[in-house]
Amino acid sequence: MLQRTRADAVADLYDDFFATFPDPHALANASIDAVEEAIYPLGLQWRARYLSRLGGALAETNGVVRETRAEIEKLPGVGPYAAGAFLAMHRRQHASFVDANIVRLLGRYFGFEWD
């Protein structure tokens, strides 16, 4: 939900989102329209399909997120950044995750261009 979104905007709807979708099964069973409506204030309606598919994948494991980065990256809508952040913050593993701000900082410091 924080993708290209201010944290305070996410905080405003976080509780409502998880009250509506309290577990992966609820998210997987919800209509795409319901998920879109829940995240509409963030302007991320296009992420609704990923969230629904992610709910389905997590429902298959009863909400258990696998242990390895490769397994986590197989989850719908999860890439290297989210997998690394999850491992570092929730599993307390040494894992890297580089966002656009870091790339810009390194580009300015080392003098390379980025896209």
PDB file of N, CA and C in Angstrom:
ATOM      1  N   MET A   1       0.809  -1.205   0.000  1.00  0.00           N
ATOM      2  CA  MET A   1       0.000   0.000   0.000  1.00  0.00           C
ATOM      3  C   MET A   1       0.850   1.267   0.000  1.00  0.00           C
ATOM      4  N   LEU A   2       2.087   1.131   0.397  1.00  0.00           N
ATOM      5  CA  LEU A   2       2.941   2.313   0.477  1.00  0.00           C
ATOM      6  C   LEU A   2       3.595   2.675  -0.849  1.00  0.00           C
ATOM      7  N   GLN A   3       3.332   1.908  -1.885  1.00  0.00           N
ATOM      8  CA  GLN A   3       3.945   2.198  -3.173  1.00  0.00           C
ATOM      9  C   GLN A   3       3.444   3.530  -3.705  1.00  0.00           C
ATOM     10  N   ARG A   4       4.368   4.458  -3.832  1.00  0.00           N
ATOM     11  CA  ARG A   4       4.056   5.802  -4.351  1.00  0.00           C
ATOM     12  C   ARG A   4       2.956   6.490  -3.558  1.00  0.00           C
ATOM     13  N   THR A   5       2.915   6.226  -2.285  1.00  0.00           N
ATOM     14  CA  THR A   5       1.846   6.743  -1.430  1.00  0.00           C
ATOM     15  C   THR A   5       2.439   7.215  -0.110  1.00  0.00           C
ATOM     16  N   ARG A   6       1.928   8.315   0.395  1.00  0.00           N
ATOM     17  CA  ARG A   6       2.376   8.826   1.691  1.00  0.00           C
ATOM     18  C   ARG A   6       1.900   7.893   2.805  1.00  0.00           C
ATOM     19  N   ALA A   7       2.738   7.709   3.795  1.00  0.00           N
ATOM     20  CA  ALA A   7       2.410   6.814   4.909  1.00  0.00           C
ATOM     21  C   ALA A   7       1.157   7.263   5.642  1.00  0.00           C
ATOM     22  N   ASP A   8       0.960   8.568   5.797  1.00  0.00           N
ATOM     23  CA  ASP A   8      -0.235   9.027   6.509  1.00  0.00           C
ATOM     24  C   ASP A   8      -1.516   8.716   5.734  1.00  0.00           C
ATOM     25  N   ALA A   9      -1.439   8.672   4.404  1.00  0.00           N
ATOM     26  CA  ALA A   9      -2.611   8.294   3.604  1.00  0.00           C
ATOM     27  C   ALA A   9      -2.945   6.816   3.818  1.00  0.00           C
ATOM     28  N   VAL A  10      -1.925   5.987   3.886  1.00  0.00           N
ATOM     29  CA  VAL A  10      -2.137   4.563   4.142  1.00  0.00           C
ATOM     30  C   VAL A  10      -2.686   4.362   5.549  1.00  0.00           C
ATOM     31  N   ALA A  11      -2.145   5.088   6.507  1.00  0.00           N
ATOM     32  CA  ALA A  11      -2.594   4.953   7.902  1.00  0.00           C
ATOM     33  C   ALA A  11      -4.081   5.245   8.025  1.00  0.00           C
ATOM     34  N   ASP A  12      -4.589   6.170   7.215  1.00  0.00           N
ATOM     35  CA  ASP A  12      -6.008   6.529   7.273  1.00  0.00           C
ATOM     36  C   ASP A  12      -6.926   5.366   6.901  1.00  0.00           C
ATOM     37  N   LEU A  13      -6.485   4.464   6.047  1.00  0.00           N
ATOM     38  CA  LEU A  13      -7.368   3.369   5.634  1.00  0.00           C
ATOM     39  C   LEU A  13      -6.881   1.990   6.055  1.00  0.00           C
ATOM     40  N   TYR A  14      -5.740   1.906   6.687  1.00  0.00           N
ATOM     41  CA  TYR A  14      -5.137   0.633   7.085  1.00  0.00           C
ATOM     42  C   TYR A  14      -6.091  -0.214   7.936  1.00  0.00           C
ATOM     43  N   ASP A  15      -6.627   0.360   8.997  1.00  0.00           N
ATOM     44  CA  ASP A  15      -7.514  -0.391   9.891  1.00  0.00           C
ATOM     45  C   ASP A  15      -8.769  -0.872   9.165  1.00  0.00           C
ATOM     46  N   ASP A  16      -9.348  -0.005   8.338  1.00  0.00           N
ATOM     47  CA  ASP A  16     -10.547  -0.394   7.590  1.00  0.00           C
ATOM     48  C   ASP A  16     -10.243  -1.531   6.614  1.00  0.00           C
ATOM     49  N   PHE A  17      -9.078  -1.450   5.960  1.00  0.00           N
ATOM     50  CA  PHE A  17      -8.709  -2.489   5.002  1.00  0.00           C
ATOM     51  C   PHE A  17      -8.627  -3.848   5.694  1.00  0.00           C
ATOM     52  N   PHE A  18      -7.939  -3.888   6.835  1.00  0.00           N
ATOM     53  CA  PHE A  18      -7.777  -5.169   7.518  1.00  0.00           C
ATOM     54  C   PHE A  18      -9.016  -5.592   8.303  1.00  0.00           C
ATOM     55  N   ALA A  19      -9.916  -4.672   8.570  1.00  0.00           N
ATOM     56  CA  ALA A  19     -11.208  -5.070   9.133  1.00  0.00           C
ATOM     57  C   ALA A  19     -12.056  -5.723   8.035  1.00  0.00           C
ATOM     58  N   THR A  20     -11.958  -5.207   6.821  1.00  0.00           N
ATOM     59  CA  THR A  20     -12.701  -5.758   5.689  1.00  0.00           C
ATOM     60  C   THR A  20     -12.102  -7.081   5.219  1.00  0.00           C
ATOM     61  N   PHE A  21     -10.774  -7.157   5.216  1.00  0.00           N
ATOM     62  CA  PHE A  21     -10.064  -8.352   4.758  1.00  0.00           C
ATOM     63  C   PHE A  21      -9.145  -8.831   5.887  1.00  0.00           C
ATOM     64  N   PRO A  22      -9.695  -9.485   6.902  1.00  0.00           N
ATOM     65  CA  PRO A  22      -8.914  -9.829   8.091  1.00  0.00           C
ATOM     66  C   PRO A  22      -7.905 -10.954   7.893  1.00  0.00           C
ATOM     67  N   ASP A  23      -8.025 -11.704   6.803  1.00  0.00           N
ATOM     68  CA  ASP A  23      -7.096 -12.804   6.563  1.00  0.00           C
ATOM     69  C   ASP A  23      -6.992 -13.039   5.057  1.00  0.00           C
ATOM     70  N   PRO A  24      -6.023 -13.833   4.637  1.00  0.00           N
ATOM     71  CA  PRO A  24      -5.854 -14.069   3.196  1.00  0.00           C
ATOM     72  C   PRO A  24      -7.085 -14.651   2.514  1.00  0.00           C
ATOM     73  N   HIS A  25      -7.841 -15.487   3.244  1.00  0.00           N
ATOM     74  CA  HIS A  25      -9.048 -16.077   2.647  1.00  0.00           C
ATOM     75  C   HIS A  25     -10.064 -14.995   2.299  1.00  0.00           C
ATOM     76  N   ALA A  26     -10.250 -14.033   3.186  1.00  0.00           N
ATOM     77  CA  ALA A  26     -11.201 -12.946   2.927  1.00  0.00           C
ATOM     78  C   ALA A  26     -10.771 -12.131   1.719  1.00  0.00           C
ATOM     79  N   LEU A  27      -9.488 -11.875   1.608  1.00  0.00           N
ATOM     80  CA  LEU A  27      -8.978 -11.109   0.469  1.00  0.00           C
ATOM     81  C   LEU A  27      -9.130 -11.911  -0.822  1.00  0.00           C
ATOM     82  N   ALA A  28      -8.816 -13.185  -0.773  1.00  0.00           N
ATOM     83  CA  ALA A  28      -8.921 -14.033  -1.962  1.00  0.00           C
ATOM     84  C   ALA A  28     -10.364 -14.184  -2.428  1.00  0.00           C
ATOM     85  N   ASN A  29     -11.299 -14.210  -1.484  1.00  0.00           N
ATOM     86  CA  ASN A  29     -12.705 -14.416  -1.828  1.00  0.00           C
ATOM     87  C   ASN A  29     -13.450 -13.132  -2.168  1.00  0.00           C
ATOM     88  N   ALA A  30     -12.824 -12.004  -1.939  1.00  0.00           N
ATOM     89  CA  ALA A  30     -13.467 -10.718  -2.235  1.00  0.00           C
ATOM     90  C   ALA A  30     -13.455 -10.463  -3.740  1.00  0.00           C
ATOM     91  N   SER A  31     -14.417  -9.693  -4.181  1.00  0.00           N
ATOM     92  CA  SER A  31     -14.427  -9.308  -5.593  1.00  0.00           C
ATOM     93  C   SER A  31     -13.323  -8.279  -5.840  1.00  0.00           C
ATOM     94  N   ILE A  32     -12.846  -8.229  -7.060  1.00  0.00           N
ATOM     95  CA  ILE A  32     -11.838  -7.227  -7.429  1.00  0.00           C
ATOM     96  C   ILE A  32     -12.397  -5.835  -7.172  1.00  0.00           C
ATOM     97  N   ASP A  33     -13.685  -5.645  -7.442  1.00  0.00           N
ATOM     98  CA  ASP A  33     -14.319  -4.343  -7.200  1.00  0.00           C
ATOM     99  C   ASP A  33     -14.233  -3.951  -5.729  1.00  0.00           C
ATOM    100  N   ALA A  34     -14.430  -4.916  -4.833  1.00  0.00           N
ATOM    101  CA  ALA A  34     -14.365  -4.618  -3.399  1.00  0.00           C
ATOM    102  C   ALA A  34     -12.947  -4.231  -2.987  1.00  0.00           C
ATOM    103  N   VAL A  35     -11.964  -4.917  -3.537  1.00  0.00           N
ATOM    104  CA  VAL A  35     -10.575  -4.585  -3.217  1.00  0.00           C
ATOM    105  C   VAL A  35     -10.216  -3.226  -3.801  1.00  0.00           C
ATOM    106  N   GLU A  36     -10.644  -2.970  -5.040  1.00  0.00           N
ATOM    107  CA  GLU A  36     -10.403  -1.661  -5.662  1.00  0.00           C
ATOM    108  C   GLU A  36     -11.006  -0.545  -4.822  1.00  0.00           C
ATOM    109  N   GLU A  37     -12.212  -0.749  -4.361  1.00  0.00           N
ATOM    110  CA  GLU A  37     -12.888   0.258  -3.544  1.00  0.00           C
ATOM    111  C   GLU A  37     -12.129   0.511  -2.240  1.00  0.00           C
ATOM    112  N   ALA A  38     -11.597  -0.536  -1.655  1.00  0.00           N
ATOM    113  CA  ALA A  38     -10.879  -0.408  -0.380  1.00  0.00           C
ATOM    114  C   ALA A  38      -9.600   0.405  -0.524  1.00  0.00           C
ATOM    115  N   ILE A  39      -8.943   0.298  -1.683  1.00  0.00           N
ATOM    116  CA  ILE A  39      -7.678   1.014  -1.866  1.00  0.00           C
ATOM    117  C   ILE A  39      -7.824   2.240  -2.772  1.00  0.00           C
ATOM    118  N   TYR A  40      -9.038   2.563  -3.168  1.00  0.00           N
ATOM    119  CA  TYR A  40      -9.291   3.701  -4.053  1.00  0.00           C
ATOM    120  C   TYR A  40      -8.668   5.003  -3.556  1.00  0.00           C
ATOM    121  N   PRO A  41      -8.780   5.336  -2.262  1.00  0.00           N
ATOM    122  CA  PRO A  41      -8.198   6.610  -1.804  1.00  0.00           C
ATOM    123  C   PRO A  41      -6.686   6.721  -2.029  1.00  0.00           C
ATOM    124  N   LEU A  42      -6.016   5.612  -2.221  1.00  0.00           N
ATOM    125  CA  LEU A  42      -4.571   5.633  -2.441  1.00  0.00           C
ATOM    126  C   LEU A  42      -4.207   5.795  -3.914  1.00  0.00           C
ATOM    127  N   GLY A  43      -5.198   5.670  -4.790  1.00  0.00           N
ATOM    128  CA  GLY A  43      -4.932   5.762  -6.218  1.00  0.00           C
ATOM    129  C   GLY A  43      -4.220   4.537  -6.758  1.00  0.00           C
ATOM    130  N   LEU A  44      -4.365   3.425  -6.090  1.00  0.00           N
ATOM    131  CA  LEU A  44      -3.666   2.200  -6.490  1.00  0.00           C
ATOM    132  C   LEU A  44      -4.631   1.096  -6.906  1.00  0.00           C
ATOM    133  N   GLN A  45      -5.744   1.476  -7.526  1.00  0.00           N
ATOM    134  CA  GLN A  45      -6.739   0.475  -7.892  1.00  0.00           C
ATOM    135  C   GLN A  45      -6.138  -0.628  -8.758  1.00  0.00           C
ATOM    136  N   TRP A  46      -5.148  -0.290  -9.565  1.00  0.00           N
ATOM    137  CA  TRP A  46      -4.509  -1.269 -10.441  1.00  0.00           C
ATOM    138  C   TRP A  46      -3.840  -2.378  -9.649  1.00  0.00           C
ATOM    139  N   ARG A  47      -3.571  -2.159  -8.342  1.00  0.00           N
ATOM    140  CA  ARG A  47      -2.955  -3.181  -7.496  1.00  0.00           C
ATOM    141  C   ARG A  47      -3.984  -4.173  -6.953  1.00  0.00           C
ATOM    142  N   ALA A  48      -5.262  -3.927  -7.154  1.00  0.00           N
ATOM    143  CA  ALA A  48      -6.305  -4.789  -6.585  1.00  0.00           C
ATOM    144  C   ALA A  48      -6.165  -6.234  -7.058  1.00  0.00           C
ATOM    145  N   ARG A  49      -5.876  -6.440  -8.325  1.00  0.00           N
ATOM    146  CA  ARG A  49      -5.727  -7.806  -8.845  1.00  0.00           C
ATOM    147  C   ARG A  49      -4.543  -8.514  -8.182  1.00  0.00           C
ATOM    148  N   TYR A  50      -3.434  -7.789  -8.001  1.00  0.00           N
ATOM    149  CA  TYR A  50      -2.278  -8.378  -7.311  1.00  0.00           C
ATOM    150  C   TYR A  50      -2.641  -8.742  -5.873  1.00  0.00           C
ATOM    151  N   LEU A  51      -3.326  -7.840  -5.188  1.00  0.00           N
ATOM    152  CA  LEU A  51      -3.702  -8.107  -3.801  1.00  0.00           C
ATOM    153  C   LEU A  51      -4.618  -9.321  -3.710  1.00  0.00           C
ATOM    154  N   SER A  52      -5.557  -9.422  -4.624  1.00  0.00           N
ATOM    155  CA  SER A  52      -6.469 -10.559  -4.627  1.00  0.00           C
ATOM    156  C   SER A  52      -5.707 -11.864  -4.882  1.00  0.00           C
ATOM    157  N   ARG A  53      -4.818 -11.849  -5.868  1.00  0.00           N
ATOM    158  CA  ARG A  53      -4.016 -13.041  -6.169  1.00  0.00           C
ATOM    159  C   ARG A  53      -3.069 -13.377  -5.018  1.00  0.00           C
ATOM    160  N   LEU A  54      -2.521 -12.343  -4.373  1.00  0.00           N
ATOM    161  CA  LEU A  54      -1.661 -12.563  -3.210  1.00  0.00           C
ATOM    162  C   LEU A  54      -2.460 -13.207  -2.083  1.00  0.00           C
ATOM    163  N   GLY A  55      -3.679 -12.716  -1.863  1.00  0.00           N
ATOM    164  CA  GLY A  55      -4.545 -13.326  -0.856  1.00  0.00           C
ATOM    165  C   GLY A  55      -4.775 -14.795  -1.156  1.00  0.00           C
ATOM    166  N   GLY A  56      -4.999 -15.123  -2.428  1.00  0.00           N
ATOM    167  CA  GLY A  56      -5.206 -16.517  -2.812  1.00  0.00           C
ATOM    168  C   GLY A  56      -3.981 -17.379  -2.555  1.00  0.00           C
ATOM    169  N   ALA A  57      -2.811 -16.854  -2.907  1.00  0.00           N
ATOM    170  CA  ALA A  57      -1.574 -17.613  -2.694  1.00  0.00           C
ATOM    171  C   ALA A  57      -1.317 -17.820  -1.205  1.00  0.00           C
ATOM    172  N   LEU A  58      -1.567 -16.795  -0.398  1.00  0.00           N
ATOM    173  CA  LEU A  58      -1.349 -16.926   1.043  1.00  0.00           C
ATOM    174  C   LEU A  58      -2.426 -17.796   1.697  1.00  0.00           C
ATOM    175  N   ALA A  59      -3.625 -17.788   1.148  1.00  0.00           N
ATOM    176  CA  ALA A  59      -4.685 -18.653   1.682  1.00  0.00           C
ATOM    177  C   ALA A  59      -4.298 -20.126   1.518  1.00  0.00           C
ATOM    178  N   GLU A  60      -3.603 -20.440   0.427  1.00  0.00           N
ATOM    179  CA  GLU A  60      -3.167 -21.818   0.194  1.00  0.00           C
ATOM    180  C   GLU A  60      -2.184 -22.309   1.251  1.00  0.00           C
ATOM    181  N   THR A  61      -1.476 -21.379   1.900  1.00  0.00           N
ATOM    182  CA  THR A  61      -0.503 -21.750   2.945  1.00  0.00           C
ATOM    183  C   THR A  61      -1.005 -21.330   4.331  1.00  0.00           C
ATOM    184  N   ASN A  62      -2.321 -21.055   4.421  1.00  0.00           N
ATOM    185  CA  ASN A  62      -2.924 -20.596   5.679  1.00  0.00           C
ATOM    186  C   ASN A  62      -2.232 -19.371   6.247  1.00  0.00           C
ATOM    187  N   GLY A  63      -1.806 -18.489   5.355  1.00  0.00           N
ATOM    188  CA  GLY A  63      -1.207 -17.225   5.768  1.00  0.00           C
ATOM    189  C   GLY A  63       0.265 -17.299   6.106  1.00  0.00           C
ATOM    190  N   VAL A  64       0.852 -18.463   5.958  1.00  0.00           N
ATOM    191  CA  VAL A  64       2.279 -18.621   6.264  1.00  0.00           C
ATOM    192  C   VAL A  64       3.093 -18.172   5.054  1.00  0.00           C
ATOM    193  N   VAL A  65       4.006 -17.234   5.290  1.00  0.00           N
ATOM    194  CA  VAL A  65       4.896 -16.767   4.234  1.00  0.00           C
ATOM    195  C   VAL A  65       6.138 -17.638   4.262  1.00  0.00           C
ATOM    196  N   ARG A  66       6.520 -18.128   3.122  1.00  0.00           N
ATOM    197  CA  ARG A  66       7.673 -19.028   3.020  1.00  0.00           C
ATOM    198  C   ARG A  66       8.949 -18.366   3.520  1.00  0.00           C
ATOM    199  N   GLU A  67       9.992 -19.156   3.641  1.00  0.00           N
ATOM    200  CA  GLU A  67      11.227 -18.718   4.301  1.00  0.00           C
ATOM    201  C   GLU A  67      12.255 -18.057   3.393  1.00  0.00           C
ATOM    202  N   THR A  68      12.340 -18.468   2.143  1.00  0.00           N
ATOM    203  CA  THR A  68      13.427 -17.971   1.308  1.00  0.00           C
ATOM    204  C   THR A  68      12.980 -16.812   0.426  1.00  0.00           C
ATOM    205  N   ARG A  69      13.946 -16.002   0.057  1.00  0.00           N
ATOM    206  CA  ARG A  69      13.678 -14.867  -0.817  1.00  0.00           C
ATOM    207  C   ARG A  69      13.069 -15.340  -2.139  1.00  0.00           C
ATOM    208  N   ALA A  70      13.619 -16.407  -2.703  1.00  0.00           N
ATOM    209  CA  ALA A  70      13.109 -16.918  -3.984  1.00  0.00           C
ATOM    210  C   ALA A  70      11.643 -17.333  -3.873  1.00  0.00           C
ATOM    211  N   GLU A  71      11.286 -17.984  -2.776  1.00  0.00           N
ATOM    212  CA  GLU A  71       9.888 -18.400  -2.578  1.00  0.00           C
ATOM    213  C   GLU A  71       8.978 -17.191  -2.383  1.00  0.00           C
ATOM    214  N   ILE A  72       9.458 -16.206  -1.647  1.00  0.00           N
ATOM    215  CA  ILE A  72       8.655 -15.006  -1.404  1.00  0.00           C
ATOM    216  C   ILE A  72       8.445 -14.241  -2.702  1.00  0.00           C
ATOM    217  N   GLU A  73       9.471 -14.172  -3.535  1.00  0.00           N
ATOM    218  CA  GLU A  73       9.351 -13.456  -4.807  1.00  0.00           C
ATOM    219  C   GLU A  73       8.407 -14.147  -5.781  1.00  0.00           C
ATOM    220  N   LYS A  74       8.066 -15.401  -5.542  1.00  0.00           N
ATOM    221  CA  LYS A  74       7.091 -16.098  -6.387  1.00  0.00           C
ATOM    222  C   LYS A  74       5.663 -15.677  -6.076  1.00  0.00           C
ATOM    223  N   LEU A  75       5.456 -15.010  -4.943  1.00  0.00           N
ATOM    224  CA  LEU A  75       4.110 -14.544  -4.593  1.00  0.00           C
ATOM    225  C   LEU A  75       3.673 -13.460  -5.570  1.00  0.00           C
ATOM    226  N   PRO A  76       2.404 -13.439  -5.957  1.00  0.00           N
ATOM    227  CA  PRO A  76       1.914 -12.443  -6.911  1.00  0.00           C
ATOM    228  C   PRO A  76       2.161 -11.014  -6.418  1.00  0.00           C
ATOM    229  N   GLY A  77       2.757 -10.212  -7.284  1.00  0.00           N
ATOM    230  CA  GLY A  77       2.973  -8.809  -6.981  1.00  0.00           C
ATOM    231  C   GLY A  77       4.151  -8.530  -6.070  1.00  0.00           C
ATOM    232  N   VAL A  78       4.918  -9.546  -5.728  1.00  0.00           N
ATOM    233  CA  VAL A  78       6.063  -9.369  -4.832  1.00  0.00           C
ATOM    234  C   VAL A  78       7.343  -9.457  -5.642  1.00  0.00           C
ATOM    235  N   GLY A  79       8.147  -8.409  -5.554  1.00  0.00           N
ATOM    236  CA  GLY A  79       9.421  -8.379  -6.256  1.00  0.00           C
ATOM    237  C   GLY A  79      10.583  -8.357  -5.283  1.00  0.00           C
ATOM    238  N   PRO A  80      11.760  -8.079  -5.795  1.00  0.00           N
ATOM    239  CA  PRO A  80      12.967  -8.099  -4.964  1.00  0.00           C
ATOM    240  C   PRO A  80      12.909  -7.130  -3.778  1.00  0.00           C
ATOM    241  N   TYR A  81      12.370  -5.931  -3.993  1.00  0.00           N
ATOM    242  CA  TYR A  81      12.314  -4.949  -2.910  1.00  0.00           C
ATOM    243  C   TYR A  81      11.419  -5.441  -1.772  1.00  0.00           C
ATOM    244  N   ALA A  82      10.203  -5.828  -2.094  1.00  0.00           N
ATOM    245  CA  ALA A  82       9.253  -6.263  -1.057  1.00  0.00           C
ATOM    246  C   ALA A  82       9.751  -7.524  -0.355  1.00  0.00           C
ATOM    247  N   ALA A  83      10.335  -8.445  -1.109  1.00  0.00           N
ATOM    248  CA  ALA A  83      10.850  -9.677  -0.497  1.00  0.00           C
ATOM    249  C   ALA A  83      11.979  -9.365   0.472  1.00  0.00           C
ATOM    250  N   GLY A  84      12.907  -8.512   0.060  1.00  0.00           N
ATOM    251  CA  GLY A  84      14.016  -8.132   0.938  1.00  0.00           C
ATOM    252  C   GLY A  84      13.541  -7.383   2.166  1.00  0.00           C
ATOM    253  N   ALA A  85      12.607  -6.462   1.967  1.00  0.00           N
ATOM    254  CA  ALA A  85      12.075  -5.702   3.099  1.00  0.00           C
ATOM    255  C   ALA A  85      11.371  -6.626   4.086  1.00  0.00           C
ATOM    256  N   PHE A  86      10.598  -7.574   3.578  1.00  0.00           N
ATOM    257  CA  PHE A  86       9.906  -8.521   4.451  1.00  0.00           C
ATOM    258  C   PHE A  86      10.904  -9.331   5.271  1.00  0.00           C
ATOM    259  N   LEU A  87      11.919  -9.869   4.601  1.00  0.00           N
ATOM    260  CA  LEU A  87      12.904 -10.687   5.300  1.00  0.00           C
ATOM    261  C   LEU A  87      13.664  -9.886   6.352  1.00  0.00           C
ATOM    262  N   ALA A  88      14.035  -8.660   6.014  1.00  0.00           N
ATOM    263  CA  ALA A  88      14.792  -7.828   6.952  1.00  0.00           C
ATOM    264  C   ALA A  88      13.937  -7.383   8.135  1.00  0.00           C
ATOM    265  N   MET A  89      12.733  -6.949   7.855  1.00  0.00           N
ATOM    266  CA  MET A  89      11.911  -6.355   8.914  1.00  0.00           C
ATOM    267  C   MET A  89      11.077  -7.359   9.696  1.00  0.00           C
ATOM    268  N   HIS A  90      10.648  -8.433   9.043  1.00  0.00           N
ATOM    269  CA  HIS A  90       9.758  -9.370   9.724  1.00  0.00           C
ATOM    270  C   HIS A  90      10.432 -10.675  10.124  1.00  0.00           C
ATOM    271  N   ARG A  91      11.494 -11.011   9.430  1.00  0.00           N
ATOM    272  CA  ARG A  91      12.205 -12.236   9.773  1.00  0.00           C
ATOM    273  C   ARG A  91      13.570 -11.938  10.394  1.00  0.00           C
ATOM    274  N   ARG A  92      13.906 -10.654  10.444  1.00  0.00           N
ATOM    275  CA  ARG A  92      15.185 -10.200  11.025  1.00  0.00           C
ATOM    276  C   ARG A  92      16.383 -10.915  10.400  1.00  0.00           C
ATOM    277  N   GLN A  93      16.283 -11.093   9.086  1.00  0.00           N
ATOM    278  CA  GLN A  93      17.386 -11.693   8.337  1.00  0.00           C
ATOM    279  C   GLN A  93      18.177 -10.584   7.651  1.00  0.00           C
ATOM    280  N   HIS A  94      19.415 -10.874   7.342  1.00  0.00           N
ATOM    281  CA  HIS A  94      20.207  -9.937   6.548  1.00  0.00           C
ATOM    282  C   HIS A  94      19.708 -10.044   5.113  1.00  0.00           C
ATOM    283  N   ALA A  95      19.054  -9.001   4.651  1.00  0.00           N
ATOM    284  CA  ALA A  95      18.509  -8.999   3.294  1.00  0.00           C
ATOM    285  C   ALA A  95      18.551  -7.571   2.763  1.00  0.00           C
ATOM    286  N   SER A  96      18.899  -7.448   1.516  1.00  0.00           N
ATOM    287  CA  SER A  96      18.955  -6.120   0.908  1.00  0.00           C
ATOM    288  C   SER A  96      17.630  -5.789   0.242  1.00  0.00           C
ATOM    289  N   PHE A  97      17.345  -4.503   0.193  1.00  0.00           N
ATOM    290  CA  PHE A  97      16.226  -4.001  -0.594  1.00  0.00           C
ATOM    291  C   PHE A  97      16.541  -2.554  -0.929  1.00  0.00           C
ATOM    292  N   VAL A  98      16.554  -2.278  -2.213  1.00  0.00           N
ATOM    293  CA  VAL A  98      16.968  -0.971  -2.699  1.00  0.00           C
ATOM    294  C   VAL A  98      15.787  -0.323  -3.402  1.00  0.00           C
ATOM    295  N   ASP A  99      15.410   0.866  -2.932  1.00  0.00           N
ATOM    296  CA  ASP A  99      14.309   1.575  -3.575  1.00  0.00           C
ATOM    297  C   ASP A  99      14.855   2.683  -4.476  1.00  0.00           C
ATOM    298  N   ALA A 100      13.956   3.392  -5.123  1.00  0.00           N
ATOM    299  CA  ALA A 100      14.344   4.436  -6.069  1.00  0.00           C
ATOM    300  C   ALA A 100      15.152   5.539  -5.396  1.00  0.00           C
ATOM    301  N   ASN A 101      14.863   5.827  -4.140  1.00  0.00           N
ATOM    302  CA  ASN A 101      15.618   6.880  -3.450  1.00  0.00           C
ATOM    303  C   ASN A 101      17.086   6.497  -3.290  1.00  0.00           C
ATOM    304  N   ILE A 102      17.345   5.249  -2.989  1.00  0.00           N
ATOM    305  CA  ILE A 102      18.722   4.772  -2.854  1.00  0.00           C
ATOM    306  C   ILE A 102      19.432   4.820  -4.207  1.00  0.00           C
ATOM    307  N   VAL A 103      18.734   4.410  -5.253  1.00  0.00           N
ATOM    308  CA  VAL A 103      19.324   4.453  -6.587  1.00  0.00           C
ATOM    309  C   VAL A 103      19.681   5.890  -6.954  1.00  0.00           C
ATOM    310  N   ARG A 104      18.781   6.834  -6.681  1.00  0.00           N
ATOM    311  CA  ARG A 104      19.067   8.251  -6.971  1.00  0.00           C
ATOM    312  C   ARG A 104      20.267   8.741  -6.174  1.00  0.00           C
ATOM    313  N   LEU A 105      20.322   8.401  -4.894  1.00  0.00           N
ATOM    314  CA  LEU A 105      21.439   8.812  -4.050  1.00  0.00           C
ATOM    315  C   LEU A 105      22.762   8.264  -4.584  1.00  0.00           C
ATOM    316  N   LEU A 106      22.796   6.967  -4.885  1.00  0.00           N
ATOM    317  CA  LEU A 106      24.018   6.363  -5.404  1.00  0.00           C
ATOM    318  C   LEU A 106      24.382   6.932  -6.774  1.00  0.00           C
ATOM    319  N   GLY A 107      23.375   7.179  -7.597  1.00  0.00           N
ATOM    320  CA  GLY A 107      23.631   7.777  -8.906  1.00  0.00           C
ATOM    321  C   GLY A 107      24.251   9.152  -8.795  1.00  0.00           C
ATOM    322  N   ARG A 108      23.753   9.954  -7.887  1.00  0.00           N
ATOM    323  CA  ARG A 108      24.322  11.292  -7.688  1.00  0.00           C
ATOM    324  C   ARG A 108      25.736  11.205  -7.119  1.00  0.00           C
ATOM    325  N   TYR A 109      25.924  10.318  -6.186  1.00  0.00           N
ATOM    326  CA  TYR A 109      27.222  10.199  -5.535  1.00  0.00           C
ATOM    327  C   TYR A 109      28.287   9.661  -6.495  1.00  0.00           C
ATOM    328  N   PHE A 110      27.933   8.608  -7.232  1.00  0.00           N
ATOM    329  CA  PHE A 110      28.909   7.990  -8.125  1.00  0.00           C
ATOM    330  C   PHE A 110      28.850   8.525  -9.548  1.00  0.00           C
ATOM    331  N   GLY A 111      27.895   9.390  -9.833  1.00  0.00           N
ATOM    332  CA  GLY A 111      27.834  10.053 -11.126  1.00  0.00           C
ATOM    333  C   GLY A 111      27.310   9.214 -12.266  1.00  0.00           C
ATOM    334  N   PHE A 112      26.417   8.253 -11.980  1.00  0.00           N
ATOM    335  CA  PHE A 112      25.833   7.504 -13.093  1.00  0.00           C
ATOM    336  C   PHE A 112      24.377   7.915 -13.276  1.00  0.00           C
ATOM    337  N   GLU A 113      23.881   7.703 -14.488  1.00  0.00           N
ATOM    338  CA  GLU A 113      22.490   8.028 -14.777  1.00  0.00           C
ATOM    339  C   GLU A 113      21.605   6.829 -14.468  1.00  0.00           C
ATOM    340  N   TRP A 114      20.376   7.094 -14.119  1.00  0.00           N
ATOM    341  CA  TRP A 114      19.438   6.031 -13.802  1.00  0.00           C
ATOM    342  C   TRP A 114      18.114   6.334 -14.456  1.00  0.00           C
ATOM    343  N   ASP A 115      17.300   5.311 -14.569  1.00  0.00           N
ATOM    344  CA  ASP A 115      15.983   5.478 -15.173  1.00  0.00           C
ATOM    345  C   ASP A 115      14.968   4.898 -14.210  1.00  0.00           C
TER     346      ASP A 115
END
